[in-house]
């Protein structure tokens, strides 16, 4: 049995595309998309959005992550320098499980932008500040189970089998 480490990242990325298509008043083709974080979910989400013609920018803190994002054809920016450029995006997808979009940064976000928070609890968006600023935010940490329940269940099953196999070894 082979356990694929991206097993839940794939349905999360596809679910992010689905949610974006449902929530944005424009097509993903030519949409300006910012992906915060370039781990498993960030990589796959950036790839899927880019494949649909979105203009993807990856924001991360590691040099290697930014180098890989650039190699894949995405624009890049350092997380530490994130600020005024937030106003230039139609869709902001957070994958970082720490609050990166605080009140100070959210003030820069374009009022018509849609924020999709895929990170585990506590998420990366200050929900209270976003609400006060009138920003549309969807916190969606359980996306795989909602958009691809069979795939998500298989990933959980495989992970449990793998753990049991390791305990027996």
Protein backbone atom coordinates (compact mmCIF):
# COMPACT_ATOMS: atom_id res chain seq x y z
CA UNK A 1 0.00 0.00 0.00
CA UNK A 2 1.31 3.44 -0.91
CA UNK A 3 0.16 6.46 1.09
CA UNK A 4 0.19 9.61 -0.99
CA UNK A 5 1.01 12.65 1.18
CA UNK A 6 -1.08 14.90 -1.05
CA UNK A 7 -4.20 12.73 -0.73
CA UNK A 8 -6.30 15.38 0.99
CA UNK A 9 -4.47 18.28 -0.67
CA UNK A 10 -5.84 17.28 -4.08
CA UNK A 11 -9.54 17.48 -3.18
CA UNK A 12 -8.81 20.65 -1.19
CA UNK A 13 -7.29 22.33 -4.25
CA UNK A 14 -10.11 21.17 -6.51
CA UNK A 15 -12.65 22.31 -3.91
CA UNK A 16 -10.95 25.71 -3.80
CA UNK A 17 -11.40 26.02 -7.55
CA UNK A 18 -15.07 25.03 -7.22
CA UNK A 19 -15.72 27.55 -4.44
CA UNK A 20 -13.89 30.30 -6.32
CA UNK A 21 -15.95 29.65 -9.45
CA UNK A 22 -19.15 29.81 -7.42
CA UNK A 23 -18.23 32.93 -5.43
CA UNK A 24 -16.40 35.16 -7.90
CA UNK A 25 -18.42 37.39 -10.22
CA UNK A 26 -15.81 36.76 -12.94
CA UNK A 27 -14.06 33.80 -14.49
CA UNK A 28 -10.85 32.43 -13.06
CA UNK A 29 -9.31 33.01 -16.48
CA UNK A 30 -7.41 36.30 -16.10
CA UNK A 31 -8.47 36.66 -12.45
CA UNK A 32 -5.73 37.97 -10.17
CA UNK A 33 -5.20 35.26 -7.53
CA UNK A 34 -2.93 35.42 -4.49
CA UNK A 35 -1.99 32.15 -2.81
CA UNK A 36 -0.64 32.55 0.73
CA UNK A 37 1.66 29.63 1.52
CA UNK A 38 3.29 27.11 -0.79
CA UNK A 39 2.97 23.82 1.06
CA UNK A 40 1.07 20.85 -0.38
CA UNK A 41 -2.27 22.68 -0.61
CA UNK A 42 -0.71 25.93 -1.81
CA UNK A 43 1.25 24.20 -4.57
CA UNK A 44 -1.73 22.27 -5.90
CA UNK A 45 -4.12 25.22 -5.62
CA UNK A 46 -1.70 27.52 -7.46
CA UNK A 47 -1.27 24.89 -10.18
CA UNK A 48 -5.02 24.34 -10.63
CA UNK A 49 -5.81 28.07 -10.68
CA UNK A 50 -2.99 28.73 -13.13
CA UNK A 51 -4.17 25.92 -15.38
CA UNK A 52 -7.48 27.75 -15.70
CA UNK A 53 -5.73 30.92 -16.80
CA UNK A 54 -5.63 32.80 -13.52
CA UNK A 55 -2.75 35.20 -12.95
CA UNK A 56 -1.31 33.54 -9.85
CA UNK A 57 1.01 35.14 -7.33
CA UNK A 58 2.47 33.01 -4.56
CA UNK A 59 3.35 34.64 -1.25
CA UNK A 60 5.60 32.61 1.05
CA UNK A 61 8.45 33.05 3.48
CA UNK A 62 10.95 30.47 2.29
CA UNK A 63 13.42 31.12 -0.49
CA UNK A 64 13.02 27.57 -1.81
CA UNK A 65 9.23 27.91 -1.94
CA UNK A 66 9.46 31.18 -3.85
CA UNK A 67 12.07 29.73 -6.21
CA UNK A 68 9.83 26.74 -6.99
CA UNK A 69 6.79 28.99 -7.45
CA UNK A 70 8.74 31.14 -9.91
CA UNK A 71 9.96 28.01 -11.71
CA UNK A 72 6.33 26.95 -12.13
CA UNK A 73 5.59 30.30 -13.78
CA UNK A 74 3.93 32.14 -10.90
CA UNK A 75 4.70 35.64 -9.70
CA UNK A 76 6.16 35.67 -6.20
CA UNK A 77 6.40 37.89 -3.16
CA UNK A 78 7.81 37.63 0.33
CA UNK A 79 5.25 37.10 3.08
CA UNK A 80 7.08 39.54 5.36
CA UNK A 81 6.59 42.34 2.82
CA UNK A 82 2.89 41.69 2.20
CA UNK A 83 0.92 44.92 2.42
CA UNK A 84 -0.39 47.40 -0.13
CA UNK A 85 -0.30 44.91 -3.00
CA UNK A 86 -3.23 43.07 -1.36
CA UNK A 87 -5.51 45.59 -3.07
CA UNK A 88 -4.66 44.15 -6.48
CA UNK A 89 -6.29 40.72 -6.17
CA UNK A 90 -9.72 39.34 -7.02
CA UNK A 91 -9.18 36.19 -4.96
CA UNK A 92 -6.93 35.60 -1.96
CA UNK A 93 -6.48 31.98 -0.88
CA UNK A 94 -4.84 31.38 2.48
CA UNK A 95 -3.23 28.02 3.26
CA UNK A 96 -1.14 29.13 6.26
CA UNK A 97 -2.50 27.93 9.65
CA UNK A 98 -1.47 31.12 11.45
CA UNK A 99 -3.04 34.57 11.33
CA UNK A 100 -1.32 36.25 8.38
CA UNK A 101 -4.21 38.48 7.37
CA UNK A 102 -4.59 40.64 10.44
CA UNK A 103 -6.51 43.93 10.63
CA UNK A 104 -3.52 45.93 9.32
CA UNK A 105 -3.17 43.77 6.20
CA UNK A 106 -6.91 43.33 5.65
CA UNK A 107 -7.26 47.12 5.39
CA UNK A 108 -5.34 46.87 2.11
CA UNK A 109 -7.63 44.23 0.54
CA UNK A 110 -9.88 45.42 -2.29
CA UNK A 111 -13.50 45.54 -1.04
CA UNK A 112 -14.69 43.39 -3.95
CA UNK A 113 -12.13 40.63 -3.37
CA UNK A 114 -13.08 37.19 -2.11
CA UNK A 115 -10.98 35.58 0.62
CA UNK A 116 -10.90 31.80 0.90
CA UNK A 117 -9.24 30.44 4.03
CA UNK A 118 -8.25 26.78 3.60
CA UNK A 119 -6.00 26.63 6.66
CA UNK A 120 -6.61 24.51 9.70
CA UNK A 121 -7.87 26.15 12.87
CA UNK A 122 -7.25 28.93 13.81
CA UNK A 123 -7.03 29.85 10.13
CA UNK A 124 -5.13 32.77 8.71
CA UNK A 125 -7.74 35.52 8.52
CA UNK A 126 -8.84 37.77 11.37
CA UNK A 127 -12.54 37.04 10.94
CA UNK A 128 -13.76 39.89 13.18
CA UNK A 129 -11.65 42.49 11.37
CA UNK A 130 -12.71 41.16 7.96
CA UNK A 131 -16.37 41.42 8.96
CA UNK A 132 -15.93 44.98 10.22
CA UNK A 133 -14.22 45.90 6.95
CA UNK A 134 -17.06 44.34 4.92
CA UNK A 135 -14.85 41.71 3.28
CA UNK A 136 -16.24 38.42 1.98
CA UNK A 137 -14.45 35.53 3.68
CA UNK A 138 -15.17 31.83 3.63
CA UNK A 139 -13.32 29.67 6.12
CA UNK A 140 -13.25 26.20 4.57
CA UNK A 141 -10.85 23.87 6.43
CA UNK A 142 -13.01 20.75 5.80
CA UNK A 143 -13.27 21.20 2.06
CA UNK A 144 -12.18 17.67 1.02
CA UNK A 145 -15.06 16.04 2.91
CA UNK A 146 -17.61 18.41 1.37
CA UNK A 147 -16.41 18.46 -2.23
CA UNK A 148 -14.98 14.96 -2.66
CA UNK A 149 -16.21 12.77 0.22
CA UNK A 150 -15.27 9.45 -1.37
CA UNK A 151 -11.71 10.62 -2.11
CA UNK A 152 -11.37 12.16 1.36
CA UNK A 153 -12.65 8.99 3.04
CA UNK A 154 -10.21 6.87 1.01
CA UNK A 155 -7.34 9.12 2.11
CA UNK A 156 -8.33 8.72 5.76
CA UNK A 157 -8.71 4.96 5.32
CA UNK A 158 -5.29 4.68 3.71
CA UNK A 159 -3.70 6.78 6.47
CA UNK A 160 -5.23 4.55 9.17
CA UNK A 161 -4.05 1.40 7.37
CA UNK A 162 -0.58 2.88 7.03
CA UNK A 163 -0.43 3.70 10.76
CA UNK A 164 -1.55 0.17 11.63
CA UNK A 165 1.02 -1.28 9.24
CA UNK A 166 3.77 0.79 10.89
CA UNK A 167 2.70 -0.35 14.36
CA UNK A 168 2.95 -3.99 13.27
CA UNK A 169 6.38 -3.54 11.70
